[in-house]
Amino acid sequence: MRSHKLRDIPRFTLRAKARLWPDHFASQVYPLVRNHTLLRYETVRSLYEAAHSVVAGNIPGTAVECGVARGGSAAAVALALRESDPNRRLLLFDTFEGLPEPTRDNPDYDRAIQFTGKCRGGIEEVDGLLRGLGLTNFSMIPGLFQDTLPSSETGAISLLHVDGDWYESTKVCLEHLWDRVSEGGIVQIDDYGEWQGCKKAVDEFFEARGMGIKMQYVDPSARRLVKPCRKARAVSAGSRG
């Protein structure tokens, strides 16, 4: 009788695998944050692993999250950084007052407008969660992205999590932070598969820069990519010429 291996059962999700073979994230980290996030297990795990990955790869820079909600994914990243590089900080950008009103640039505006004010995580709630876990390696910057990102001194960024939902929120994150991401840094974008405005902003940004970025599927909503080095981009551009 042929043995059944995970690769033979594609319907198994990462969550199901974790129940069968619990590892540190599944058994120790995720239970601490799962009630404080709206993101799927796969997304939070990807961020946790990305934080470990940039440290292991000596990718310079802080970790940055744009769109914090109740703080669960931020806690997962901060825990990973504490485990791998306690001196590396996490910067958290959010209104801390819920989702702002979308603009008509969002193709799914009629649906999006119904979520104004949703996904709220107050600054006290997020701070309490992180400090309750013994975390101190973070800073919170409240306000709209378009007001806070241009003047924020992030320095180089090793890990960027964009969770802005709307077209304008996603666009301003990429416009102001992409160039700060170190080569080999990881960028994870939530909502790409969920909100048309987010997808539109991402596609327009990379098309305008002539970059044929291939994103890795994380879950139905999230996508992930590694920022290519300049040499790789030059070779790719030359091959198209």
Protein backbone atom coordinates (compact mmCIF):
# COMPACT_ATOMS: atom_id res chain seq x y z
CA MET A 1 0.00 0.00 0.00
CA ARG A 2 1.35 3.37 -0.97
CA SER A 3 2.12 5.56 2.01
CA HIS A 4 0.29 8.88 2.15
CA LYS A 5 2.63 11.83 2.31
CA LEU A 6 1.72 15.49 2.52
CA ARG A 7 2.71 16.09 -1.08
CA ASP A 8 0.06 13.53 -2.08
CA ILE A 9 -2.67 15.52 -0.31
CA PRO A 10 -2.61 19.04 -1.77
CA ARG A 11 -5.77 20.08 0.06
CA PHE A 12 -3.80 20.21 3.32
CA THR A 13 -3.17 23.80 4.34
CA LEU A 14 -0.29 25.06 6.42
CA ARG A 15 -2.68 25.29 9.34
CA ALA A 16 -3.58 21.60 8.98
CA LYS A 17 0.07 20.61 8.75
CA ALA A 18 0.77 22.60 11.90
CA ARG A 19 -1.84 20.62 13.80
CA LEU A 20 -0.17 17.36 12.77
CA TRP A 21 3.44 18.45 13.24
CA PRO A 22 3.50 21.42 15.61
CA ASP A 23 6.70 23.45 15.49
CA HIS A 24 7.78 26.49 17.48
CA PHE A 25 5.62 28.95 15.56
CA ALA A 26 2.53 26.78 15.54
CA SER A 27 2.76 25.69 19.16
CA GLN A 28 4.40 28.65 20.89
CA VAL A 29 3.99 31.83 18.82
CA TYR A 30 0.71 31.64 16.95
CA PRO A 31 -1.40 30.89 20.04
CA LEU A 32 -0.14 34.18 21.52
CA VAL A 33 -1.25 36.30 18.57
CA ARG A 34 -4.13 34.55 16.82
CA ASN A 35 -6.84 36.38 18.76
CA HIS A 36 -5.26 39.72 17.89
CA THR A 37 -5.11 39.50 14.10
CA LEU A 38 -7.50 39.39 11.17
CA LEU A 39 -4.85 37.76 8.98
CA ARG A 40 -4.81 34.09 8.07
CA TYR A 41 -2.41 31.66 9.72
CA GLU A 42 -0.36 31.38 6.51
CA THR A 43 0.15 35.15 6.35
CA VAL A 44 1.26 35.52 9.95
CA ARG A 45 3.59 32.54 9.63
CA SER A 46 5.10 34.00 6.46
CA LEU A 47 5.86 37.27 8.27
CA TYR A 48 7.38 35.44 11.23
CA GLU A 49 9.61 33.39 8.93
CA ALA A 50 10.51 36.47 6.87
CA ALA A 51 11.75 38.25 9.99
CA HIS A 52 14.02 35.31 10.80
CA SER A 53 15.11 35.10 7.16
CA VAL A 54 16.32 38.70 6.81
CA VAL A 55 18.35 38.37 10.00
CA ALA A 56 19.86 35.04 8.91
CA GLY A 57 20.68 36.57 5.53
CA ASN A 58 22.31 39.65 7.10
CA ILE A 59 19.90 41.94 5.26
CA PRO A 60 20.35 45.35 6.87
CA GLY A 61 17.55 47.49 8.16
CA THR A 62 14.54 47.75 10.40
CA ALA A 63 11.26 45.91 9.99
CA VAL A 64 8.28 48.08 9.05
CA GLU A 65 4.57 47.30 9.15
CA CYS A 66 2.06 49.63 7.53
CA GLY A 67 -1.39 48.66 8.75
CA VAL A 68 -1.29 47.22 12.25
CA ALA A 69 -4.95 46.67 13.19
CA ARG A 70 -5.00 44.89 16.57
CA GLY A 71 -1.28 44.08 16.53
CA GLY A 72 -1.19 40.32 16.07
CA SER A 73 1.09 40.27 13.03
CA ALA A 74 3.28 42.97 14.57
CA ALA A 75 3.67 40.81 17.66
CA ALA A 76 4.68 37.80 15.54
CA VAL A 77 7.36 39.85 13.76
CA ALA A 78 8.60 41.41 16.99
CA LEU A 79 8.85 37.99 18.63
CA ALA A 80 10.86 36.67 15.67
CA LEU A 81 13.21 39.65 15.87
CA ARG A 82 13.67 39.18 19.60
CA GLU A 83 14.57 35.56 18.97
CA SER A 84 17.02 36.28 16.16
CA ASP A 85 18.29 39.87 16.62
CA PRO A 86 17.06 41.74 19.71
CA ASN A 87 18.71 44.95 18.51
CA ARG A 88 16.64 45.14 15.33
CA ARG A 89 13.55 47.33 15.66
CA LEU A 90 10.03 47.20 14.29
CA LEU A 91 8.26 50.40 13.20
CA LEU A 92 4.46 50.33 13.20
CA PHE A 93 2.46 52.77 11.07
CA ASP A 94 -1.32 53.00 11.41
CA THR A 95 -4.09 55.48 12.09
CA PHE A 96 -4.93 53.32 15.13
CA GLU A 97 -8.48 54.52 14.47
CA GLY A 98 -9.57 51.97 11.86
CA LEU A 99 -9.50 52.03 8.07
CA PRO A 100 -9.69 55.48 6.48
CA GLU A 101 -12.34 56.22 3.90
CA PRO A 102 -11.31 54.91 0.45
CA THR A 103 -11.25 57.13 -2.62
CA ARG A 104 -12.88 56.56 -5.98
CA ASP A 105 -9.51 55.26 -7.24
CA ASN A 106 -10.58 51.91 -5.80
CA PRO A 107 -12.40 49.85 -8.47
CA ASP A 108 -14.39 48.18 -5.69
CA TYR A 109 -15.24 51.47 -3.98
CA ASP A 110 -18.88 50.59 -3.30
CA ARG A 111 -17.78 47.60 -1.26
CA ALA A 112 -14.73 49.26 0.27
CA ILE A 113 -16.61 52.28 1.61
CA GLN A 114 -18.55 49.95 3.89
CA PHE A 115 -15.33 49.12 5.76
CA THR A 116 -14.48 52.68 6.76
CA GLY A 117 -13.49 52.64 10.42
CA LYS A 118 -13.25 48.84 10.52
CA CYS A 119 -10.17 46.78 11.51
CA ARG A 120 -9.50 49.17 14.36
CA GLY A 121 -6.82 48.52 16.88
CA GLY A 122 -6.29 51.35 19.33
CA ILE A 123 -2.76 52.44 20.12
CA GLU A 124 -3.24 51.45 23.76
CA GLU A 125 -4.51 48.01 22.73
CA VAL A 126 -1.53 47.34 20.46
CA ASP A 127 0.97 48.70 22.96
CA GLY A 128 -0.61 46.57 25.70
CA LEU A 129 -0.40 43.41 23.59
CA LEU A 130 3.24 43.87 22.69
CA ARG A 131 4.40 44.92 26.13
CA GLY A 132 2.33 42.15 27.66
CA LEU A 133 4.49 39.73 25.68
CA GLY A 134 7.60 41.37 27.07
CA LEU A 135 8.38 43.14 23.79
CA THR A 136 10.11 46.51 23.72
CA ASN A 137 11.76 46.45 20.28
CA PHE A 138 9.06 48.53 18.55
CA SER A 139 7.85 52.07 17.93
CA MET A 140 4.37 53.19 16.89
CA ILE A 141 3.76 56.08 14.51
CA PRO A 142 0.07 57.10 14.43
CA GLY A 143 -1.54 58.90 11.49
CA LEU A 144 -2.40 58.50 7.82
CA PHE A 145 0.41 57.01 5.75
CA GLN A 146 0.54 60.03 3.47
CA ASP A 147 1.17 62.23 6.52
CA THR A 148 3.66 60.06 8.40
CA LEU A 149 5.72 58.10 5.87
CA PRO A 150 7.36 60.96 3.93
CA SER A 151 8.98 62.44 7.04
CA SER A 152 9.67 59.27 9.02
CA GLU A 153 13.30 58.29 9.44
CA THR A 154 13.05 54.56 8.91
CA GLY A 155 16.55 54.11 7.59
CA ALA A 156 17.13 50.98 5.54
CA ILE A 157 14.29 48.44 5.66
CA SER A 158 14.89 44.69 5.72
CA LEU A 159 11.25 43.59 6.01
CA LEU A 160 8.25 45.59 4.83
CA HIS A 161 4.68 44.49 5.47
CA VAL A 162 2.10 46.54 3.57
CA ASP A 163 -1.44 46.01 4.80
CA GLY A 164 -3.22 49.18 3.70
CA ASP A 165 -6.22 47.65 1.92
CA TRP A 166 -6.99 50.67 -0.30
CA TYR A 167 -5.42 51.95 -3.51
CA GLU A 168 -4.07 55.20 -2.08
CA SER A 169 -2.77 53.62 1.13
CA THR A 170 -0.89 50.91 -0.76
CA LYS A 171 0.43 53.35 -3.34
CA VAL A 172 1.87 55.78 -0.82
CA CYS A 173 3.59 52.92 1.04
CA LEU A 174 5.34 51.71 -2.11
CA GLU A 175 6.19 55.22 -3.31
CA HIS A 176 7.87 56.21 -0.06
CA LEU A 177 9.27 52.93 1.23
CA TRP A 178 10.23 50.70 -1.72
CA ASP A 179 13.49 52.55 -2.35
CA ARG A 180 14.39 52.18 1.33
CA VAL A 181 14.10 48.39 1.22
CA SER A 182 17.53 46.76 1.16
CA GLU A 183 18.47 44.48 -1.72
CA GLY A 184 17.41 41.01 -0.68
CA GLY A 185 14.85 42.49 1.70
CA ILE A 186 11.40 40.94 1.89
CA VAL A 187 8.20 42.79 1.02
CA GLN A 188 4.87 41.20 1.89
CA ILE A 189 1.67 42.78 0.62
CA ASP A 190 -1.64 41.82 2.11
CA ASP A 191 -4.93 42.47 0.28
CA TYR A 192 -3.45 41.97 -3.21
CA GLY A 193 -5.86 39.12 -3.83
CA GLU A 194 -8.67 40.62 -1.76
CA TRP A 195 -9.07 44.30 -2.66
CA GLN A 196 -8.95 45.56 -6.24
CA GLY A 197 -7.57 48.93 -5.16
CA CYS A 198 -4.52 47.31 -3.57
CA LYS A 199 -3.86 45.17 -6.65
CA LYS A 200 -4.24 48.19 -8.91
CA ALA A 201 -1.72 50.21 -6.86
CA VAL A 202 0.86 47.41 -6.81
CA ASP A 203 0.55 46.63 -10.51
CA GLU A 204 0.75 50.31 -11.47
CA PHE A 205 3.79 50.91 -9.27
CA PHE A 206 5.92 48.14 -10.71
CA GLU A 207 4.73 48.79 -14.27
CA ALA A 208 5.67 52.47 -13.97
CA ARG A 209 9.16 51.43 -12.89
CA GLY A 210 9.50 48.86 -15.65
CA MET A 211 9.99 46.10 -13.13
CA GLY A 212 8.70 42.63 -13.92
CA ILE A 213 8.36 41.57 -10.31
CA LYS A 214 7.18 38.03 -9.65
CA MET A 215 5.32 37.68 -6.38
CA GLN A 216 5.03 34.52 -4.34
CA TYR A 217 1.55 33.38 -3.35
CA VAL A 218 1.11 33.30 0.42
CA ASP A 219 -2.64 32.88 0.75
CA PRO A 220 -5.72 34.09 -1.17
CA SER A 221 -5.03 37.65 -0.04
CA ALA A 222 -1.29 38.05 0.55
CA ARG A 223 1.71 38.01 -1.78
CA ARG A 224 5.43 38.13 -0.99
CA LEU A 225 8.57 39.08 -2.90
CA VAL A 226 12.28 39.57 -2.41
CA LYS A 227 13.68 42.87 -3.63
CA PRO A 228 16.14 42.03 -6.42
CA CYS A 229 19.66 43.40 -6.45
CA ARG A 230 20.62 46.07 -8.96
CA LYS A 231 22.84 43.67 -10.90
CA ALA A 232 20.00 41.20 -11.33
CA ARG A 233 17.68 43.99 -12.48
CA ALA A 234 20.26 45.21 -14.98
CA VAL A 235 20.75 41.73 -16.41
CA SER A 236 16.97 41.28 -16.66
CA ALA A 237 16.59 44.62 -18.43
CA GLY A 238 19.41 43.78 -20.82
CA SER A 239 17.85 40.45 -21.68
CA ARG A 240 14.67 42.26 -22.76
CA GLY A 241 16.54 44.71 -24.96
